[in-house]
Amino acid sequence: MKFLPYQMSKGKKPLFIYLPGMDGSGKLLESQRDLQHNFEVRCLHFAHDRASDWQGLIKPLIHLLKKEVDREIYSRVYLCGESFGACMALKLVEMIPDFFDRVILVNSASSFYRRSWLNCGTYITSLMPNTVYNGATFLLFPFLVKISAIAPSQRTTLLDTLQSLHPLTVSNRIKLLNQFHLNLDKIQQFSQPVLIIASGEDNLLPSLEEAQRLKQFFPQSLISILPYSGHCCLLEKEINLRKIMHKYSF
């Protein structure tokens, strides 16, 4: 578990920490380079981690954050989690709420339990040889992205990233999603602003319904609906996360 290589900018900017989806690579935020105009960006990489429970996944992340991030340097620390990464972000809010000034949740996979057909993936992927798994990613692809909305180069990058994962890693992360639950008492004590982004054409998860559910837990939360976007919305040509944040004064 580490942050991808980065360069410190000369100006003093807020820190933007990105927690990626199930791929864990952090590389897919490349399409949102515009963020670097306003933020120091750190993308988490945990592609090969196979923690057996959420504690095992989040505790090393907390250690990494406290080691790498000097709160006195940054005026604000933003935490952004996408899909699986949004679940990680929610766990961090439970455990170290004072560390973050703003939180962004994108198509949170905390709604995973509502898709019973996805729960079978734990057992199926654990039994798959790599060659079969690579073929299965083609079947999953239309559920992950709205193909017409992303550039061919981004399609290739996403597919290559998915196929680089070991089936057992995927199986383990599906197992974690099956086990995911929120400590509502702790979550509801988080008083900083939260921006919840949900795609209207998410074919993988019920992100619109989950956005409404999550909004109930945070006293200062807003919902941004992307009516024509798919699950991996940050890869889409027309989606600019920096502009979305600016629209909601984030």
Protein backbone atom coordinates (compact mmCIF):
# COMPACT_ATOMS: atom_id res chain seq x y z
CA MET A 1 0.00 0.00 0.00
CA LYS A 2 1.49 3.33 -1.08
CA PHE A 3 0.80 6.59 -2.85
CA LEU A 4 1.71 6.67 -6.52
CA PRO A 5 4.77 8.82 -7.34
CA TYR A 6 3.97 12.51 -7.28
CA GLN A 7 5.65 15.91 -7.47
CA MET A 8 5.14 18.63 -4.90
CA SER A 9 3.95 21.88 -6.43
CA LYS A 10 5.61 25.17 -5.55
CA GLY A 11 2.40 26.79 -4.38
CA LYS A 12 0.60 25.87 -1.17
CA LYS A 13 -2.51 23.94 -2.16
CA PRO A 14 -5.08 21.80 -0.33
CA LEU A 15 -4.35 18.07 -0.34
CA PHE A 16 -6.59 15.76 -2.39
CA ILE A 17 -6.39 12.06 -1.46
CA TYR A 18 -7.95 9.66 -3.97
CA LEU A 19 -8.97 6.11 -3.03
CA PRO A 20 -9.62 4.05 -6.19
CA GLY A 21 -12.18 1.40 -7.00
CA MET A 22 -11.72 -2.34 -6.75
CA ASP A 23 -8.74 -2.27 -9.13
CA GLY A 24 -6.75 -0.52 -6.39
CA SER A 25 -4.31 0.87 -8.94
CA GLY A 26 -4.93 4.60 -8.52
CA LYS A 27 -3.93 5.03 -12.17
CA LEU A 28 -7.44 5.67 -13.46
CA LEU A 29 -7.55 9.18 -12.00
CA GLU A 30 -5.22 10.22 -14.84
CA SER A 31 -8.27 11.42 -16.75
CA GLN A 32 -8.90 14.04 -14.03
CA ARG A 33 -5.56 15.85 -14.30
CA ASP A 34 -7.40 19.14 -14.04
CA LEU A 35 -7.48 18.57 -10.28
CA GLN A 36 -3.79 19.39 -10.15
CA HIS A 37 -4.53 23.05 -10.85
CA ASN A 38 -6.17 23.36 -7.43
CA PHE A 39 -4.79 20.50 -5.35
CA GLU A 40 -1.82 18.45 -4.32
CA VAL A 41 -3.08 15.06 -5.52
CA ARG A 42 -2.20 11.72 -3.94
CA CYS A 43 -3.54 8.50 -5.48
CA LEU A 44 -3.54 5.39 -3.32
CA HIS A 45 -2.18 2.16 -4.82
CA PHE A 46 -3.18 -1.12 -3.16
CA ALA A 47 -3.58 -3.38 -6.19
CA HIS A 48 -2.11 -6.50 -4.59
CA ASP A 49 -3.47 -6.15 -1.08
CA ARG A 50 -5.56 -9.12 0.12
CA ALA A 51 -6.61 -8.06 3.61
CA SER A 52 -9.03 -10.52 5.16
CA ASP A 53 -11.21 -7.87 6.82
CA TRP A 54 -11.80 -4.11 6.81
CA GLN A 55 -9.62 -3.55 9.85
CA GLY A 56 -6.74 -5.24 8.06
CA LEU A 57 -7.22 -2.97 5.06
CA ILE A 58 -7.87 0.35 6.80
CA LYS A 59 -5.30 0.25 9.62
CA PRO A 60 -2.28 0.22 7.22
CA LEU A 61 -3.95 3.07 5.31
CA ILE A 62 -4.28 5.14 8.49
CA HIS A 63 -0.61 4.47 9.24
CA LEU A 64 0.31 5.59 5.71
CA LEU A 65 -1.75 8.76 5.99
CA LYS A 66 -0.29 9.76 9.34
CA LYS A 67 3.22 9.05 8.08
CA GLU A 68 2.91 10.84 4.75
CA VAL A 69 0.53 13.72 5.51
CA ASP A 70 1.58 16.62 7.68
CA ARG A 71 -1.70 18.33 8.56
CA GLU A 72 0.11 21.54 9.43
CA ILE A 73 1.25 21.99 5.82
CA TYR A 74 -2.19 21.87 4.20
CA SER A 75 -5.03 24.31 4.69
CA ARG A 76 -7.50 21.52 3.95
CA VAL A 77 -7.39 17.77 3.35
CA TYR A 78 -9.91 16.37 0.87
CA LEU A 79 -10.74 12.66 0.82
CA CYS A 80 -12.27 11.22 -2.35
CA GLY A 81 -13.33 7.59 -2.64
CA GLU A 82 -14.75 5.99 -5.77
CA SER A 83 -16.84 2.79 -5.67
CA PHE A 84 -14.82 0.36 -3.46
CA GLY A 85 -12.69 3.34 -2.47
CA ALA A 86 -15.81 5.12 -1.20
CA CYS A 87 -16.27 2.28 1.28
CA MET A 88 -12.68 2.80 2.38
CA ALA A 89 -13.37 6.52 2.75
CA LEU A 90 -16.41 5.82 4.92
CA LYS A 91 -14.33 3.58 7.17
CA LEU A 92 -11.71 6.31 7.50
CA VAL A 93 -14.44 8.79 8.48
CA GLU A 94 -15.47 6.34 11.20
CA MET A 95 -11.95 5.88 12.53
CA ILE A 96 -10.12 9.21 12.03
CA PRO A 97 -12.83 11.82 11.33
CA ASP A 98 -10.71 14.77 12.45
CA PHE A 99 -8.17 14.10 9.70
CA PHE A 100 -10.40 15.31 6.84
CA ASP A 101 -12.00 18.66 6.00
CA ARG A 102 -14.02 17.56 2.97
CA VAL A 103 -15.19 14.15 1.74
CA ILE A 104 -16.32 13.16 -1.77
CA LEU A 105 -18.03 9.80 -2.36
CA VAL A 106 -18.42 8.67 -5.98
CA ASN A 107 -20.86 5.82 -6.77
CA SER A 108 -20.24 4.26 -3.40
CA ALA A 109 -20.05 0.46 -3.35
CA SER A 110 -21.68 0.51 0.09
CA SER A 111 -24.79 -0.44 -1.89
CA PHE A 112 -23.20 -3.73 -2.99
CA TYR A 113 -25.47 -5.80 -0.75
CA ARG A 114 -28.46 -4.77 -2.87
CA ARG A 115 -27.12 -6.67 -5.89
CA SER A 116 -27.49 -10.33 -4.96
CA TRP A 117 -26.12 -11.51 -8.32
CA LEU A 118 -22.82 -9.76 -7.59
CA ASN A 119 -22.43 -11.65 -4.31
CA CYS A 120 -21.83 -14.85 -6.28
CA GLY A 121 -18.61 -13.34 -7.58
CA THR A 122 -16.75 -14.26 -4.39
CA TYR A 123 -17.00 -17.96 -5.16
CA ILE A 124 -16.82 -17.78 -8.93
CA THR A 125 -13.71 -15.62 -9.23
CA SER A 126 -11.83 -17.61 -6.56
CA LEU A 127 -12.15 -20.70 -8.77
CA MET A 128 -11.26 -19.05 -12.06
CA PRO A 129 -7.93 -19.55 -13.81
CA ASN A 130 -6.45 -16.30 -15.11
CA THR A 131 -7.39 -17.00 -18.73
CA VAL A 132 -11.06 -17.46 -17.86
CA TYR A 133 -11.04 -14.42 -15.58
CA ASN A 134 -9.60 -12.24 -18.36
CA GLY A 135 -12.47 -13.30 -20.62
CA ALA A 136 -15.01 -12.56 -17.89
CA THR A 137 -13.83 -8.96 -17.64
CA PHE A 138 -15.16 -8.38 -21.17
CA LEU A 139 -18.62 -9.45 -19.96
CA LEU A 140 -18.42 -7.14 -16.96
CA PHE A 141 -17.19 -4.16 -18.97
CA PRO A 142 -20.61 -2.80 -20.09
CA PHE A 143 -21.74 -2.76 -16.45
CA LEU A 144 -18.71 -0.73 -15.39
CA VAL A 145 -18.68 1.92 -18.09
CA LYS A 146 -20.91 3.72 -20.49
CA ILE A 147 -18.75 2.80 -23.46
CA SER A 148 -19.85 5.68 -25.69
CA ALA A 149 -18.84 8.20 -23.00
CA ILE A 150 -15.16 7.26 -22.66
CA ALA A 151 -12.28 7.60 -25.10
CA PRO A 152 -10.86 4.42 -26.71
CA SER A 153 -7.58 4.93 -24.86
CA GLN A 154 -9.42 4.98 -21.53
CA ARG A 155 -11.31 1.80 -22.44
CA THR A 156 -7.99 0.07 -23.07
CA THR A 157 -6.49 1.39 -19.84
CA LEU A 158 -9.46 0.22 -17.77
CA LEU A 159 -9.53 -3.22 -19.38
CA ASP A 160 -5.78 -3.69 -18.93
CA THR A 161 -6.07 -2.61 -15.30
CA LEU A 162 -8.89 -5.07 -14.61
CA GLN A 163 -7.05 -7.92 -16.27
CA SER A 164 -3.91 -7.22 -14.26
CA LEU A 165 -5.71 -8.20 -11.05
CA HIS A 166 -5.42 -11.74 -9.76
CA PRO A 167 -8.83 -13.49 -9.48
CA LEU A 168 -8.18 -14.20 -5.79
CA THR A 169 -7.67 -10.48 -5.16
CA VAL A 170 -11.00 -9.73 -6.83
CA SER A 171 -12.70 -12.51 -4.88
CA ASN A 172 -11.31 -11.16 -1.62
CA ARG A 173 -12.53 -7.63 -2.31
CA ILE A 174 -16.00 -8.89 -3.18
CA LYS A 175 -15.94 -10.70 0.16
CA LEU A 176 -15.05 -7.42 1.89
CA LEU A 177 -17.97 -5.67 0.19
CA ASN A 178 -20.27 -8.43 1.40
CA GLN A 179 -19.04 -7.78 4.95
CA PHE A 180 -19.24 -3.99 4.75
CA HIS A 181 -21.35 -2.15 7.28
CA LEU A 182 -21.33 1.33 8.79
CA ASN A 183 -21.15 2.35 12.40
CA LEU A 184 -23.93 4.91 12.13
CA ASP A 185 -23.27 6.44 15.55
CA LYS A 186 -19.75 7.39 14.48
CA ILE A 187 -20.64 8.33 10.90
CA GLN A 188 -23.37 10.73 11.99
CA GLN A 189 -20.91 12.62 14.20
CA PHE A 190 -18.91 13.71 11.17
CA SER A 191 -19.77 17.39 10.77
CA GLN A 192 -17.63 18.38 7.78
CA PRO A 193 -19.12 18.81 4.27
CA VAL A 194 -19.68 15.66 2.21
CA LEU A 195 -20.34 15.63 -1.52
CA ILE A 196 -22.09 12.48 -2.77
CA ILE A 197 -21.82 11.91 -6.52
CA ALA A 198 -24.12 9.38 -8.19
CA SER A 199 -24.46 8.26 -11.81
CA GLY A 200 -27.92 8.04 -13.31
CA GLU A 201 -26.94 5.26 -15.72
CA ASP A 202 -24.92 3.11 -13.32
CA ASN A 203 -25.61 -0.43 -14.51
CA LEU A 204 -23.50 -2.04 -11.79
CA LEU A 205 -24.85 -0.56 -8.55
CA PRO A 206 -27.99 1.35 -7.44
CA SER A 207 -25.97 4.52 -6.93
CA LEU A 208 -28.89 6.97 -7.00
CA GLU A 209 -30.69 5.18 -4.18
CA GLU A 210 -27.47 4.81 -2.22
CA ALA A 211 -26.75 8.53 -2.53
CA GLN A 212 -30.08 9.32 -0.88
CA ARG A 213 -29.39 6.78 1.88
CA LEU A 214 -25.91 8.14 2.61
CA LYS A 215 -27.19 11.71 2.68
CA GLN A 216 -29.27 10.88 5.74
CA PHE A 217 -26.13 10.13 7.75
CA PHE A 218 -24.20 13.35 7.21
CA PRO A 219 -25.57 16.67 8.49
CA GLN A 220 -23.65 18.69 5.89
CA SER A 221 -24.05 16.66 2.72
CA LEU A 222 -24.99 17.43 -0.86
CA ILE A 223 -25.85 15.16 -3.78
CA SER A 224 -24.60 15.69 -7.31
CA ILE A 225 -26.39 13.53 -9.88
CA LEU A 226 -24.71 12.79 -13.21
CA PRO A 227 -27.83 11.77 -15.17
CA TYR A 228 -26.10 10.29 -18.22
CA SER A 229 -23.01 8.72 -16.65
CA GLY A 230 -22.08 5.12 -15.94
CA HIS A 231 -20.40 3.55 -12.91
CA CYS A 232 -16.83 4.59 -13.78
CA CYS A 233 -17.91 8.18 -14.35
CA LEU A 234 -14.51 9.77 -13.66
CA LEU A 235 -13.19 8.17 -16.86
CA GLU A 236 -15.80 9.88 -19.02
CA LYS A 237 -14.84 12.61 -21.45
CA GLU A 238 -17.50 15.07 -20.29
CA ILE A 239 -16.96 14.66 -16.54
CA ASN A 240 -14.69 17.14 -14.80
CA LEU A 241 -14.51 16.48 -11.07
CA ARG A 242 -12.87 19.82 -10.31
CA LYS A 243 -15.76 21.68 -11.95
CA ILE A 244 -18.33 19.56 -10.13
CA MET A 245 -16.67 20.39 -6.82
CA HIS A 246 -16.53 24.08 -7.72
CA LYS A 247 -20.25 24.04 -8.56
CA TYR A 248 -21.02 22.89 -5.03
CA SER A 249 -18.47 25.27 -3.45
CA PHE A 250 -16.23 22.41 -2.44
